N, C-alpha and C. Protein backbone atom coordinates (compact mmCIF):
# COMPACT_ATOMS: atom_id res chain seq x y z
N MET A 1 38.80 -130.27 95.10
CA MET A 1 39.81 -129.72 94.58
C MET A 1 40.93 -129.73 95.25
N ALA A 2 42.35 -130.24 95.00
CA ALA A 2 43.63 -130.54 95.41
C ALA A 2 44.36 -128.98 95.56
N ARG A 3 44.83 -128.84 96.67
CA ARG A 3 45.63 -127.30 96.81
C ARG A 3 47.03 -127.70 96.20
N THR A 4 47.84 -127.25 95.99
CA THR A 4 49.31 -127.10 95.71
C THR A 4 50.00 -126.50 96.97
N PRO A 5 50.68 -127.14 97.85
CA PRO A 5 51.14 -126.63 99.17
C PRO A 5 52.05 -125.33 98.65
N ALA A 6 52.00 -124.52 99.76
CA ALA A 6 52.54 -123.04 99.61
C ALA A 6 54.22 -123.34 99.34
N THR A 7 54.87 -124.67 99.61
CA THR A 7 56.05 -124.66 99.95
C THR A 7 56.58 -124.92 98.27
N LEU A 8 55.57 -125.35 97.49
CA LEU A 8 56.00 -125.83 96.23
C LEU A 8 55.60 -124.28 95.11
N VAL A 9 54.56 -123.62 95.67
CA VAL A 9 54.31 -122.62 94.78
C VAL A 9 55.24 -121.41 94.83
N ILE A 10 55.47 -120.88 96.15
CA ILE A 10 56.54 -119.76 96.17
C ILE A 10 57.84 -120.13 95.56
N PRO A 11 58.68 -121.24 95.76
CA PRO A 11 59.76 -121.06 95.06
C PRO A 11 59.79 -121.16 93.39
N THR A 12 58.39 -122.18 93.27
CA THR A 12 58.00 -121.98 91.61
C THR A 12 58.11 -120.45 91.10
N LEU A 13 57.26 -119.71 91.82
CA LEU A 13 56.90 -118.30 91.39
C LEU A 13 58.38 -117.64 91.49
N ALA A 14 59.27 -117.85 92.28
CA ALA A 14 60.49 -117.15 92.62
C ALA A 14 61.08 -117.35 91.01
N LEU A 15 61.32 -118.86 90.82
CA LEU A 15 62.25 -119.26 89.82
C LEU A 15 61.76 -118.54 88.59
N ALA A 16 60.34 -118.57 88.19
CA ALA A 16 59.74 -117.87 86.92
C ALA A 16 59.96 -116.46 87.07
N PHE A 17 59.88 -115.77 88.20
CA PHE A 17 60.42 -114.37 88.26
C PHE A 17 62.03 -114.10 87.67
N THR A 18 62.65 -115.03 88.52
CA THR A 18 64.19 -114.70 88.17
C THR A 18 64.49 -115.20 86.81
N LEU A 19 63.76 -116.24 86.36
CA LEU A 19 64.31 -116.29 84.73
C LEU A 19 63.85 -115.18 83.70
N THR A 20 62.38 -114.79 84.18
CA THR A 20 62.04 -113.87 83.18
C THR A 20 62.98 -112.60 83.40
N PHE A 21 63.67 -112.07 84.69
CA PHE A 21 64.28 -110.87 84.85
C PHE A 21 65.44 -111.25 84.29
N ALA A 22 66.17 -112.45 84.38
CA ALA A 22 67.50 -112.59 83.65
C ALA A 22 67.42 -112.49 82.08
N TRP A 23 65.98 -113.19 81.54
CA TRP A 23 65.87 -112.67 80.29
C TRP A 23 65.92 -111.49 79.76
N LEU A 24 64.89 -110.19 80.33
CA LEU A 24 64.87 -109.12 80.11
C LEU A 24 66.19 -108.34 80.30
N ALA A 25 66.85 -108.78 81.26
CA ALA A 25 68.62 -108.22 81.64
C ALA A 25 69.27 -108.37 80.28
N ALA A 26 69.30 -109.70 80.02
CA ALA A 26 70.04 -109.92 78.92
C ALA A 26 69.87 -109.57 77.30
N SER A 27 68.52 -109.13 77.16
CA SER A 27 68.31 -108.68 76.20
C SER A 27 68.52 -107.32 76.00
N CYS A 28 68.96 -106.48 77.24
CA CYS A 28 69.34 -105.16 77.16
C CYS A 28 70.95 -104.80 76.40
N PHE A 29 71.72 -106.08 76.74
CA PHE A 29 73.00 -106.08 76.14
C PHE A 29 73.20 -107.13 74.99
N GLU A 30 72.23 -107.02 74.50
CA GLU A 30 72.39 -107.75 72.99
C GLU A 30 73.18 -107.13 71.93
N PRO A 31 74.13 -107.51 71.24
CA PRO A 31 74.64 -106.83 70.23
C PRO A 31 73.95 -106.08 69.33
N THR A 32 74.63 -104.85 68.76
CA THR A 32 73.72 -104.38 67.83
C THR A 32 74.00 -104.96 66.60
N ILE A 33 72.93 -104.56 65.61
CA ILE A 33 72.83 -105.12 64.31
C ILE A 33 73.07 -104.21 63.30
N ALA A 34 73.31 -104.57 62.22
CA ALA A 34 73.67 -103.64 60.98
C ALA A 34 72.49 -104.26 60.09
N LEU A 35 71.69 -103.16 59.33
CA LEU A 35 70.36 -103.28 58.71
C LEU A 35 70.91 -102.57 57.56
N ALA A 36 70.53 -103.44 56.22
CA ALA A 36 70.86 -102.42 55.14
C ALA A 36 72.01 -101.93 54.82
N GLY A 37 72.98 -102.27 55.35
CA GLY A 37 74.34 -101.96 55.07
C GLY A 37 74.81 -100.83 56.18
N VAL A 38 73.97 -100.22 57.04
CA VAL A 38 73.92 -99.06 57.61
C VAL A 38 74.24 -99.71 59.36
N ALA A 39 75.23 -98.96 59.63
CA ALA A 39 75.59 -99.30 60.83
C ALA A 39 74.69 -98.79 62.00
N ALA A 40 74.30 -99.90 62.94
CA ALA A 40 72.98 -99.22 64.00
C ALA A 40 74.05 -99.31 65.31
N THR A 41 73.40 -98.47 66.24
CA THR A 41 74.15 -97.96 67.26
C THR A 41 73.13 -97.89 68.26
N ARG A 42 73.64 -98.18 69.63
CA ARG A 42 72.31 -97.86 70.54
C ARG A 42 72.53 -96.65 71.32
N VAL A 43 71.21 -96.42 71.69
CA VAL A 43 71.12 -94.93 72.38
C VAL A 43 70.10 -95.28 73.19
N GLY A 44 70.48 -94.86 74.58
CA GLY A 44 69.69 -94.78 75.67
C GLY A 44 69.36 -96.50 76.11
N GLY A 45 68.16 -96.86 76.32
CA GLY A 45 67.50 -98.16 76.72
C GLY A 45 67.83 -99.26 75.61
N PRO A 46 67.20 -100.24 75.51
CA PRO A 46 67.16 -101.18 74.22
C PRO A 46 66.88 -100.80 72.98
N CYS A 47 67.52 -99.64 72.56
CA CYS A 47 67.11 -99.14 71.20
C CYS A 47 68.50 -99.10 70.39
N THR A 48 68.01 -99.39 68.97
CA THR A 48 69.26 -99.23 68.42
C THR A 48 68.67 -98.06 66.76
N TYR A 49 69.71 -97.43 66.64
CA TYR A 49 69.05 -96.51 65.22
C TYR A 49 70.39 -96.93 64.19
N ALA A 50 69.87 -96.28 62.91
CA ALA A 50 70.42 -96.47 61.69
C ALA A 50 70.91 -94.88 61.57
N ASP A 51 72.04 -94.85 61.30
CA ASP A 51 72.56 -93.28 61.06
C ASP A 51 72.92 -93.06 59.38
N PHE A 52 72.33 -91.72 59.22
CA PHE A 52 72.49 -91.04 57.83
C PHE A 52 73.00 -89.80 58.08
N PRO A 53 74.11 -89.46 57.72
CA PRO A 53 74.87 -88.25 57.90
C PRO A 53 74.57 -87.31 56.70
N GLY A 54 74.57 -85.88 57.09
CA GLY A 54 74.06 -85.13 55.86
C GLY A 54 74.20 -83.47 56.50
N LYS A 55 73.32 -82.55 56.00
CA LYS A 55 73.70 -81.31 56.48
C LYS A 55 72.30 -80.77 56.53
N ALA A 56 72.24 -79.59 57.42
CA ALA A 56 70.88 -79.20 57.61
C ALA A 56 71.25 -77.51 57.49
N VAL A 57 69.86 -77.14 56.66
CA VAL A 57 70.01 -75.66 56.43
C VAL A 57 69.06 -74.89 57.18
N ILE A 58 69.36 -73.99 57.71
CA ILE A 58 68.57 -73.08 58.69
C ILE A 58 67.65 -72.52 57.71
N VAL A 59 66.55 -72.64 57.73
CA VAL A 59 65.48 -72.01 57.00
C VAL A 59 65.10 -70.66 57.61
N ALA A 60 64.90 -70.68 58.87
CA ALA A 60 64.15 -69.33 59.40
C ALA A 60 64.52 -69.36 60.86
N VAL A 61 64.82 -68.27 61.61
CA VAL A 61 64.96 -67.83 62.80
C VAL A 61 64.09 -67.08 63.08
N THR A 62 63.11 -66.98 63.93
CA THR A 62 62.14 -65.84 64.08
C THR A 62 61.71 -66.12 65.78
N PRO A 63 61.52 -64.75 66.30
CA PRO A 63 61.19 -64.69 67.69
C PRO A 63 59.69 -65.21 68.01
N GLN A 64 59.53 -66.06 69.38
CA GLN A 64 58.40 -66.44 69.43
C GLN A 64 57.59 -65.27 70.23
N PRO A 65 56.34 -65.46 70.18
CA PRO A 65 55.54 -64.18 70.87
C PRO A 65 56.06 -64.10 72.36
N LYS A 66 55.86 -62.94 72.84
CA LYS A 66 56.13 -62.33 73.84
C LYS A 66 55.55 -63.19 75.08
N THR A 67 55.92 -64.06 75.81
CA THR A 67 55.32 -64.41 76.77
C THR A 67 56.32 -65.32 77.71
N PRO A 68 56.34 -65.23 78.87
CA PRO A 68 57.31 -65.59 79.89
C PRO A 68 57.48 -67.60 79.81
N VAL A 69 56.75 -67.83 78.76
CA VAL A 69 56.65 -69.57 78.84
C VAL A 69 57.00 -69.65 77.32
N THR A 70 57.92 -70.55 77.26
CA THR A 70 58.25 -71.23 75.82
C THR A 70 58.24 -72.60 75.65
N GLY A 71 58.20 -73.05 74.25
CA GLY A 71 58.36 -74.52 73.89
C GLY A 71 57.45 -75.45 74.92
N GLY A 72 58.41 -76.09 75.99
CA GLY A 72 57.82 -77.24 76.77
C GLY A 72 56.95 -76.61 77.97
N GLY A 73 56.58 -75.21 77.76
CA GLY A 73 55.82 -74.83 78.60
C GLY A 73 56.58 -74.51 80.09
N ILE A 74 58.28 -74.65 79.84
CA ILE A 74 59.21 -74.44 80.99
C ILE A 74 59.42 -72.76 81.05
N PRO A 75 59.07 -71.78 82.02
CA PRO A 75 59.53 -70.54 82.32
C PRO A 75 60.96 -70.23 82.01
N THR A 76 60.98 -69.43 80.88
CA THR A 76 62.75 -68.83 80.83
C THR A 76 62.76 -67.44 81.02
N PRO A 77 64.01 -66.92 81.54
CA PRO A 77 64.27 -65.64 81.70
C PRO A 77 64.53 -64.97 80.33
N TYR A 78 64.46 -65.23 79.49
CA TYR A 78 64.81 -64.68 77.90
C TYR A 78 63.41 -64.80 76.94
N PRO A 79 63.58 -64.12 75.76
CA PRO A 79 62.65 -64.56 74.68
C PRO A 79 63.54 -65.56 74.08
N GLY A 80 62.48 -66.75 73.49
CA GLY A 80 62.79 -67.89 72.78
C GLY A 80 62.56 -67.62 71.33
N PHE A 81 63.40 -68.52 70.42
CA PHE A 81 63.18 -68.41 69.04
C PHE A 81 62.81 -69.75 68.62
N ASP A 82 62.10 -69.61 67.30
CA ASP A 82 61.43 -70.72 66.69
C ASP A 82 62.64 -70.89 65.41
N ILE A 83 63.38 -71.98 65.44
CA ILE A 83 64.39 -72.25 64.31
C ILE A 83 63.87 -73.50 63.39
N THR A 84 63.86 -73.16 62.33
CA THR A 84 63.31 -74.26 61.48
C THR A 84 64.52 -74.76 60.43
N TYR A 85 64.62 -75.75 60.23
CA TYR A 85 65.55 -76.30 59.19
C TYR A 85 65.29 -77.49 58.37
N THR A 86 65.71 -77.54 57.32
CA THR A 86 65.74 -78.91 56.30
C THR A 86 66.94 -79.65 56.39
N PHE A 87 66.61 -80.96 56.19
CA PHE A 87 67.91 -82.05 56.28
C PHE A 87 68.03 -82.68 54.81
N THR A 88 69.36 -82.65 54.50
CA THR A 88 69.44 -83.23 53.10
C THR A 88 70.64 -84.31 53.68
N PRO A 89 70.50 -85.42 53.33
CA PRO A 89 71.35 -86.75 53.50
C PRO A 89 72.61 -86.57 52.51
N ASP A 90 73.74 -87.14 52.80
CA ASP A 90 74.66 -86.86 52.17
C ASP A 90 74.65 -88.15 50.94
N THR A 91 74.15 -89.34 51.13
CA THR A 91 73.35 -90.17 49.76
C THR A 91 72.08 -90.30 50.33
N PRO A 92 71.22 -90.51 49.05
CA PRO A 92 70.11 -90.72 49.00
C PRO A 92 69.45 -91.79 50.05
N ILE A 93 68.21 -91.50 50.68
CA ILE A 93 67.87 -92.45 51.51
C ILE A 93 66.52 -92.99 50.65
N ALA A 94 66.58 -94.20 50.79
CA ALA A 94 65.30 -94.81 49.87
C ALA A 94 64.45 -95.77 51.01
N GLY A 95 63.28 -96.16 51.02
CA GLY A 95 62.77 -97.25 51.47
C GLY A 95 62.70 -96.76 53.16
N GLU A 96 62.73 -95.68 53.58
CA GLU A 96 62.41 -95.46 54.85
C GLU A 96 61.30 -94.68 55.34
N PRO A 97 59.96 -95.06 55.62
CA PRO A 97 58.77 -94.49 55.96
C PRO A 97 58.83 -93.52 56.82
N LEU A 98 59.91 -93.48 57.71
CA LEU A 98 60.22 -92.16 58.62
C LEU A 98 60.61 -91.17 58.30
N TYR A 99 61.41 -91.12 56.93
CA TYR A 99 62.17 -89.88 56.37
C TYR A 99 61.26 -89.61 55.35
N THR A 100 61.02 -88.24 55.45
CA THR A 100 60.38 -87.38 54.13
C THR A 100 61.26 -86.43 53.51
N PRO A 101 61.93 -86.43 52.22
CA PRO A 101 62.87 -85.37 51.89
C PRO A 101 62.07 -84.23 51.62
N GLY A 102 63.15 -83.18 52.11
CA GLY A 102 62.26 -81.60 51.95
C GLY A 102 61.49 -81.14 53.07
N ARG A 103 61.23 -82.04 54.29
CA ARG A 103 60.52 -81.54 55.28
C ARG A 103 61.05 -80.65 56.24
N THR A 104 60.38 -79.84 56.70
CA THR A 104 60.65 -78.67 57.46
C THR A 104 60.69 -79.14 58.94
N HIS A 105 61.77 -79.15 59.89
CA HIS A 105 61.87 -79.45 61.36
C HIS A 105 62.13 -78.22 62.11
N THR A 106 61.87 -78.45 63.47
CA THR A 106 62.29 -77.47 64.43
C THR A 106 63.06 -77.70 65.17
N LEU A 107 64.38 -76.83 65.54
CA LEU A 107 65.51 -76.99 66.37
C LEU A 107 65.13 -76.85 67.70
N THR A 108 65.08 -77.51 68.54
CA THR A 108 64.73 -77.06 70.31
C THR A 108 66.08 -77.39 71.01
N LEU A 109 65.95 -76.83 72.25
CA LEU A 109 66.86 -77.44 72.91
C LEU A 109 66.48 -79.01 73.58
N VAL A 110 67.32 -79.62 74.35
CA VAL A 110 66.79 -81.15 74.02
C VAL A 110 65.54 -81.41 74.91
N ASN A 111 65.18 -80.54 76.11
CA ASN A 111 64.06 -80.66 76.75
C ASN A 111 62.80 -80.14 76.02
N GLY A 112 63.00 -79.38 74.77
CA GLY A 112 61.77 -78.98 73.76
C GLY A 112 61.59 -77.68 74.22
N MET A 113 62.57 -76.80 74.92
CA MET A 113 62.39 -75.55 75.09
C MET A 113 63.23 -74.72 74.02
N ALA A 114 62.59 -73.59 73.58
CA ALA A 114 63.09 -72.78 72.57
C ALA A 114 64.39 -72.18 73.02
N PRO A 115 65.54 -71.84 72.05
CA PRO A 115 66.88 -71.46 72.53
C PRO A 115 66.43 -69.77 72.57
N GLY A 116 67.44 -68.93 73.18
CA GLY A 116 67.17 -67.78 73.40
C GLY A 116 68.45 -66.95 72.23
N SER A 117 68.49 -65.93 72.63
CA SER A 117 69.37 -64.94 71.44
C SER A 117 70.74 -65.61 71.58
N ARG A 118 71.13 -65.45 73.24
CA ARG A 118 72.58 -65.89 73.20
C ARG A 118 72.87 -67.07 72.95
N PHE A 119 72.03 -68.28 73.08
CA PHE A 119 72.20 -69.83 72.46
C PHE A 119 72.54 -69.33 70.82
N LEU A 120 71.52 -68.61 69.94
CA LEU A 120 72.14 -68.39 68.60
C LEU A 120 73.53 -67.89 68.46
N GLN A 121 73.96 -67.11 69.20
CA GLN A 121 74.80 -66.13 68.93
C GLN A 121 76.05 -67.40 69.40
N LYS A 122 75.85 -67.97 70.36
CA LYS A 122 76.95 -68.71 70.75
C LYS A 122 77.40 -70.03 69.86
N TYR A 123 76.25 -70.48 69.01
CA TYR A 123 76.39 -71.46 67.96
C TYR A 123 76.43 -71.10 66.87
N GLY A 124 76.28 -69.65 66.34
CA GLY A 124 76.32 -69.30 65.05
C GLY A 124 74.97 -69.65 64.16
N ILE A 125 73.81 -69.52 64.83
CA ILE A 125 72.79 -70.24 63.95
C ILE A 125 72.07 -68.80 63.48
N THR A 126 72.09 -69.01 62.57
CA THR A 126 71.29 -67.92 61.45
C THR A 126 70.67 -68.40 60.41
N ALA A 127 69.76 -67.67 59.71
CA ALA A 127 68.73 -68.22 58.56
C ALA A 127 70.13 -68.26 57.49
N GLY A 128 69.78 -69.48 56.73
CA GLY A 128 70.71 -69.77 55.43
C GLY A 128 72.13 -70.38 55.81
N LYS A 129 72.30 -70.77 57.03
CA LYS A 129 73.65 -71.41 57.68
C LYS A 129 73.10 -72.59 57.59
N VAL A 130 74.76 -73.56 56.95
CA VAL A 130 74.67 -75.09 57.06
C VAL A 130 75.29 -75.65 58.26
N PHE A 131 74.79 -76.65 58.80
CA PHE A 131 75.37 -77.31 59.81
C PHE A 131 75.54 -78.80 59.22
N PRO A 132 76.52 -79.32 59.77
CA PRO A 132 76.56 -80.95 59.75
C PRO A 132 75.50 -81.51 60.66
N CYS A 133 74.81 -82.54 60.17
CA CYS A 133 73.77 -82.89 60.64
C CYS A 133 73.91 -84.74 60.59
N ARG A 134 73.15 -85.36 61.45
CA ARG A 134 72.99 -86.70 61.36
C ARG A 134 71.59 -87.12 61.77
N LEU A 135 70.78 -87.94 60.63
CA LEU A 135 69.30 -88.27 60.87
C LEU A 135 69.59 -89.80 61.43
N ARG A 136 68.81 -90.15 62.91
CA ARG A 136 69.14 -91.26 63.39
C ARG A 136 67.55 -91.79 63.08
N ILE A 137 67.40 -93.05 62.63
CA ILE A 137 66.02 -93.66 62.27
C ILE A 137 66.30 -94.98 63.14
N ILE A 138 65.14 -95.17 64.21
CA ILE A 138 65.11 -96.26 64.81
C ILE A 138 65.05 -97.60 64.32
N ARG A 139 65.54 -98.64 64.51
CA ARG A 139 65.55 -100.06 64.37
C ARG A 139 65.29 -100.96 64.90
N GLN A 140 65.24 -100.62 66.38
CA GLN A 140 64.88 -101.77 67.26
C GLN A 140 64.52 -100.92 68.59
N GLY A 141 63.42 -101.31 69.32
CA GLY A 141 63.19 -100.74 70.85
C GLY A 141 62.08 -99.66 70.56
N THR A 142 61.89 -99.12 71.77
CA THR A 142 60.78 -98.29 71.59
C THR A 142 61.08 -96.55 72.08
N CYS A 143 62.25 -96.41 71.82
CA CYS A 143 62.86 -94.83 71.89
C CYS A 143 61.82 -94.04 70.88
N THR A 144 62.77 -92.68 70.90
CA THR A 144 62.24 -91.95 69.88
C THR A 144 62.41 -92.11 68.58
N PRO A 145 61.40 -92.10 67.58
CA PRO A 145 61.56 -93.14 66.27
C PRO A 145 62.69 -92.43 65.33
N VAL A 146 62.77 -90.64 65.35
CA VAL A 146 63.58 -90.10 64.43
C VAL A 146 64.21 -88.96 65.42
N LEU A 147 65.62 -88.99 65.35
CA LEU A 147 66.42 -88.14 65.70
C LEU A 147 67.30 -87.32 64.88
N TYR A 148 67.28 -85.71 65.21
CA TYR A 148 68.51 -85.24 64.38
C TYR A 148 69.46 -84.83 65.45
N ASP A 149 70.69 -85.04 65.09
CA ASP A 149 71.82 -84.75 65.98
C ASP A 149 72.90 -84.08 65.19
N PHE A 150 72.91 -82.65 65.93
CA PHE A 150 73.92 -81.70 65.47
C PHE A 150 75.28 -81.41 66.23
N PRO A 151 76.23 -82.23 65.59
CA PRO A 151 77.60 -82.37 66.20
C PRO A 151 78.02 -81.17 66.84
N GLY A 152 77.77 -80.04 66.10
CA GLY A 152 78.49 -78.59 66.48
C GLY A 152 77.41 -77.75 67.35
N ILE A 153 76.31 -78.36 67.94
CA ILE A 153 75.38 -77.59 68.55
C ILE A 153 75.20 -78.44 69.80
N ASP A 154 75.21 -77.81 71.00
CA ASP A 154 74.83 -78.73 72.25
C ASP A 154 73.49 -78.43 72.68
N ARG A 155 72.77 -79.17 72.20
CA ARG A 155 71.23 -78.87 72.55
C ARG A 155 70.90 -79.16 73.90
N ALA A 156 71.78 -79.48 74.68
CA ALA A 156 71.54 -79.82 76.37
C ALA A 156 72.31 -78.57 76.94
N ASP A 157 72.71 -77.70 76.17
CA ASP A 157 73.53 -76.31 76.85
C ASP A 157 72.33 -75.49 77.44
N TYR A 158 72.14 -75.26 78.66
CA TYR A 158 71.15 -74.63 79.37
C TYR A 158 71.56 -73.22 79.78
N PHE A 159 72.91 -72.72 79.52
CA PHE A 159 73.62 -71.77 80.03
C PHE A 159 72.47 -70.42 79.89
N GLU A 160 71.85 -70.10 79.08
CA GLU A 160 70.87 -69.04 79.34
C GLU A 160 69.97 -69.17 80.65
N LEU A 161 69.80 -70.07 81.00
CA LEU A 161 69.17 -70.04 82.58
C LEU A 161 69.47 -69.48 83.46
N LYS A 162 70.85 -69.80 83.27
CA LYS A 162 71.60 -69.04 84.51
C LYS A 162 71.74 -67.67 84.84
N LYS A 163 71.72 -67.18 85.76
CA LYS A 163 71.86 -65.56 85.91
C LYS A 163 73.14 -65.24 85.99
């Protein structure tokens, strides 16, 4: 069996790696695509989402059981609250397997932790309150398939963790 000289193999592997890397890098900058008449936008890595504006109604705000750990297992210096809401789009959404009308969702901080009473007060979160909300359904990529964005609520506001 004849062996290929190393002087041929190494440059060939380097070229294959370079071409593969260039293809992967270029795919990250691919322009966004509009599907079904809905504008798609990039969020994070190479993912695109279709946006559906609407309203979220806070169904309930209830204290979590008295434990020092909430939501994502992160210790907090405050008691957390479970916040549930429903989403209603401004226009009907048809043919979306990832959207179920009338379903109840849980509002958490970005890291999955439950908000505390000062967060509720700061953003005016009470049962029955209506907030603008945007449903984002993935169109391309492997990011989180469904996101709910609240323009008036900063879910990355961790001020309650500061002493």
